[in-house]
Amino acid sequence: MAKLGRPQPLGLGHAAQEVHSIAAPMLAAAALALAGVVAGANPNTFVWSGPTLLVLVAASLFLVASIQLHYHARHFYYSVQDIDFWYGLDVRRGSEVFKELCHRQQRDFEIWERYIRRAATCFNTGALLLGFGVSLALVPTSGDKQESWRWIALSMVLVGTVADMAWIAHLYGKRAQYADRDAALNELNAVPDEPSEE
């Protein structure tokens, strides 16, 4: 019987669901709303309205791409419990169908993993671009009476964006650690690779 695919860490599927179905749509809406404000404003309201619009629209496109990639990936993300639900528990008892379904689950999981990584890359890129787009929108024009406040707000957004960039790099560095941890569990047989046929 084939080894079943499983996320590393095990909660990755649930985390992806939260990010791509809740956070990404809200951030995409925020990017487009701000782009609409910049596009409709007086030419002297923003210092670099053109580059600001470009960055904000790019951010929204990356965020929408992450939603679409997640939607496509979700077709291939299921567990042995889902197989039981759709085919019934009887399919496990020495059935060639069950063995084939387990093989398919492993192949489908690899497809899910590939697309969910692309979705994560799009989300991270979009979130960073949104931070830089907001920063560009906050640059004060000459003679702005709120100049000092805008510089403070701009600095806060930039610090948050750079911190997010560092956090993303940290998470990418942890991937190998999760794979090693899963391999160690396999060696100990603490987590079975094959579901029971009983």
Protein backbone atom coordinates (compact mmCIF):
# COMPACT_ATOMS: atom_id res chain seq x y z
CA MET A 1 0.00 0.00 0.00
CA ALA A 2 1.27 3.48 -0.81
CA LYS A 3 2.44 5.91 1.80
CA LEU A 4 -0.12 8.67 2.22
CA GLY A 5 0.95 12.24 1.59
CA ARG A 6 0.79 14.55 4.57
CA PRO A 7 1.68 18.22 5.05
CA GLN A 8 4.82 19.36 6.85
CA PRO A 9 4.01 20.59 9.45
CA LEU A 10 0.69 18.83 9.80
CA GLY A 11 -1.28 22.08 10.18
CA LEU A 12 -0.08 23.54 6.87
CA GLY A 13 -3.34 22.79 5.07
CA HIS A 14 -5.41 24.62 7.68
CA ALA A 15 -2.99 27.57 7.71
CA ALA A 16 -3.16 27.82 3.91
CA GLN A 17 -6.97 27.85 4.08
CA GLU A 18 -6.92 30.80 6.50
CA VAL A 19 -4.39 32.82 4.52
CA HIS A 20 -5.72 32.32 1.00
CA SER A 21 -9.46 32.33 1.68
CA ILE A 22 -9.61 35.07 4.35
CA ALA A 23 -6.48 37.24 4.45
CA ALA A 24 -5.70 37.36 0.72
CA PRO A 25 -9.17 38.59 -0.39
CA MET A 26 -9.19 41.31 2.29
CA LEU A 27 -5.70 42.52 1.38
CA ALA A 28 -6.52 42.45 -2.35
CA ALA A 29 -9.61 44.57 -1.66
CA ALA A 30 -7.51 47.01 0.39
CA ALA A 31 -4.93 47.31 -2.40
CA LEU A 32 -7.60 47.95 -5.03
CA ALA A 33 -9.45 50.43 -2.80
CA LEU A 34 -6.28 52.44 -2.22
CA ALA A 35 -5.44 52.25 -5.93
CA GLY A 36 -8.88 53.72 -6.64
CA VAL A 37 -8.22 56.58 -4.23
CA VAL A 38 -4.84 57.32 -5.84
CA ALA A 39 -6.27 57.11 -9.38
CA GLY A 40 -9.14 59.48 -8.59
CA ALA A 41 -7.16 62.00 -6.56
CA ASN A 42 -5.93 65.41 -7.63
CA PRO A 43 -2.54 65.06 -9.43
CA ASN A 44 -0.85 67.01 -6.61
CA THR A 45 -2.22 64.85 -3.77
CA PHE A 46 0.40 62.09 -4.12
CA VAL A 47 4.07 62.64 -4.91
CA TRP A 48 4.43 59.55 -7.13
CA SER A 49 0.87 58.62 -8.11
CA GLY A 50 1.98 56.59 -11.16
CA PRO A 51 4.47 54.31 -9.37
CA THR A 52 2.08 54.05 -6.41
CA LEU A 53 -0.72 52.84 -8.68
CA LEU A 54 1.61 50.36 -10.38
CA VAL A 55 2.76 48.83 -7.08
CA LEU A 56 -0.77 48.66 -5.64
CA VAL A 57 -2.24 47.04 -8.77
CA ALA A 58 0.65 44.55 -8.86
CA ALA A 59 0.00 43.74 -5.18
CA SER A 60 -3.68 43.08 -5.88
CA LEU A 61 -2.86 40.85 -8.85
CA PHE A 62 -0.44 38.74 -6.80
CA LEU A 63 -3.01 38.41 -4.02
CA VAL A 64 -5.74 37.36 -6.45
CA ALA A 65 -3.30 34.87 -8.00
CA SER A 66 -2.74 33.36 -4.55
CA ILE A 67 -6.51 32.91 -4.14
CA GLN A 68 -6.81 31.21 -7.53
CA LEU A 69 -3.81 28.94 -6.96
CA HIS A 70 -5.16 27.93 -3.56
CA TYR A 71 -8.56 27.18 -5.07
CA HIS A 72 -6.95 24.94 -7.69
CA ALA A 73 -4.69 23.27 -5.12
CA ARG A 74 -7.63 22.53 -2.82
CA HIS A 75 -8.99 20.04 -5.38
CA PHE A 76 -6.04 17.78 -4.61
CA TYR A 77 -6.00 18.08 -0.80
CA TYR A 78 -7.83 15.26 0.96
CA SER A 79 -7.17 12.58 3.58
CA VAL A 80 -7.96 8.91 4.09
CA GLN A 81 -11.04 10.04 6.03
CA ASP A 82 -12.31 11.74 2.88
CA ILE A 83 -11.76 8.49 0.98
CA ASP A 84 -13.75 6.66 3.67
CA PHE A 85 -16.56 9.21 3.41
CA TRP A 86 -16.91 8.99 -0.36
CA TYR A 87 -16.21 5.27 -0.85
CA GLY A 88 -17.33 3.82 2.50
CA LEU A 89 -15.31 1.98 5.15
CA ASP A 90 -15.87 -1.36 3.41
CA VAL A 91 -13.54 -0.30 0.61
CA ARG A 92 -10.57 -0.75 2.99
CA ARG A 93 -10.97 -4.51 3.44
CA GLY A 94 -8.39 -5.98 1.07
CA SER A 95 -9.65 -3.88 -1.79
CA GLU A 96 -7.55 -3.07 -4.86
CA VAL A 97 -9.69 0.05 -5.16
CA PHE A 98 -8.50 1.27 -1.75
CA LYS A 99 -4.85 0.63 -2.66
CA GLU A 100 -5.29 2.58 -5.88
CA LEU A 101 -7.02 5.42 -4.00
CA CYS A 102 -4.07 5.62 -1.60
CA HIS A 103 -1.65 5.81 -4.53
CA ARG A 104 -3.76 8.56 -6.05
CA GLN A 105 -3.87 10.45 -2.76
CA GLN A 106 -0.07 10.52 -2.67
CA ARG A 107 0.18 11.78 -6.26
CA ASP A 108 -2.60 14.34 -5.68
CA PHE A 109 -0.92 15.52 -2.49
CA GLU A 110 2.27 16.26 -4.43
CA ILE A 111 0.21 18.38 -6.85
CA TRP A 112 -1.39 20.19 -3.90
CA GLU A 113 2.01 20.85 -2.37
CA ARG A 114 3.36 22.29 -5.62
CA TYR A 115 0.43 24.68 -6.10
CA ILE A 116 0.16 25.69 -2.45
CA ARG A 117 3.82 26.74 -2.47
CA ARG A 118 3.16 28.91 -5.52
CA ALA A 119 0.10 30.37 -3.79
CA ALA A 120 2.21 31.18 -0.72
CA THR A 121 4.84 32.88 -2.88
CA CYS A 122 2.15 35.00 -4.56
CA PHE A 123 0.58 35.91 -1.21
CA ASN A 124 3.92 36.92 0.32
CA THR A 125 4.87 38.96 -2.74
CA GLY A 126 1.48 40.68 -2.77
CA ALA A 127 1.61 41.49 0.94
CA LEU A 128 5.09 43.02 0.59
CA LEU A 129 4.08 45.03 -2.48
CA LEU A 130 1.03 46.31 -0.60
CA GLY A 131 3.31 47.53 2.19
CA PHE A 132 5.53 49.35 -0.28
CA GLY A 133 2.48 50.76 -2.11
CA VAL A 134 1.07 52.19 1.11
CA SER A 135 4.50 53.68 1.86
CA LEU A 136 4.58 55.39 -1.52
CA ALA A 137 1.07 56.78 -0.95
CA LEU A 138 2.17 58.25 2.39
CA VAL A 139 5.11 60.27 1.03
CA PRO A 140 4.14 63.89 1.83
CA THR A 141 3.92 66.51 -0.87
CA SER A 142 5.84 69.77 -0.50
CA GLY A 143 4.11 72.16 1.88
CA ASP A 144 1.92 69.46 3.42
CA LYS A 145 0.83 70.62 6.88
CA GLN A 146 0.75 67.00 8.07
CA GLU A 147 4.23 66.23 6.74
CA SER A 148 5.75 65.02 10.02
CA TRP A 149 2.80 62.73 10.73
CA ARG A 150 2.96 61.25 7.26
CA TRP A 151 6.69 60.56 7.62
CA ILE A 152 6.04 58.82 10.95
CA ALA A 153 3.24 56.72 9.40
CA LEU A 154 5.44 55.91 6.39
CA SER A 155 8.26 54.80 8.70
CA MET A 156 5.90 52.55 10.65
CA VAL A 157 4.64 50.88 7.47
CA LEU A 158 8.18 50.39 6.16
CA VAL A 159 9.36 48.87 9.46
CA GLY A 160 6.39 46.49 9.41
CA THR A 161 7.02 45.55 5.78
CA VAL A 162 10.72 44.87 6.40
CA ALA A 163 9.81 42.81 9.49
CA ASP A 164 7.34 40.83 7.36
CA MET A 165 10.09 40.24 4.79
CA ALA A 166 12.40 38.91 7.52
CA TRP A 167 9.63 36.66 8.88
CA ILE A 168 8.96 35.25 5.39
CA ALA A 169 12.67 34.47 4.96
CA HIS A 170 12.69 32.80 8.39
CA LEU A 171 9.71 30.59 7.46
CA TYR A 172 11.27 29.54 4.16
CA GLY A 173 14.37 28.52 6.11
CA LYS A 174 12.26 26.24 8.34
CA ARG A 175 11.05 24.03 5.46
CA ALA A 176 14.03 21.69 5.64
CA GLN A 177 13.59 21.38 9.40
CA TYR A 178 9.99 20.21 8.99
CA ALA A 179 11.05 17.63 6.40
CA ASP A 180 13.78 16.30 8.72
CA ARG A 181 11.32 16.11 11.60
CA ASP A 182 8.87 14.10 9.49
CA ALA A 183 11.64 11.76 8.33
CA ALA A 184 12.65 11.14 11.96
CA LEU A 185 9.04 10.17 12.79
CA ASN A 186 8.99 7.74 9.88
CA GLU A 187 12.15 6.07 11.16
CA LEU A 188 10.62 5.64 14.62
CA ASN A 189 7.37 4.34 13.10
CA ALA A 190 5.59 6.66 15.53
CA VAL A 191 3.35 7.83 12.70
CA PRO A 192 2.25 4.98 10.41
CA ASP A 193 2.72 5.54 6.70
CA GLU A 194 -0.19 3.28 5.78
CA PRO A 195 -3.77 3.33 7.02
CA SER A 196 -5.19 0.25 8.66
CA GLU A 197 -7.38 -1.95 6.47
CA GLU A 198 -9.55 -2.97 9.42
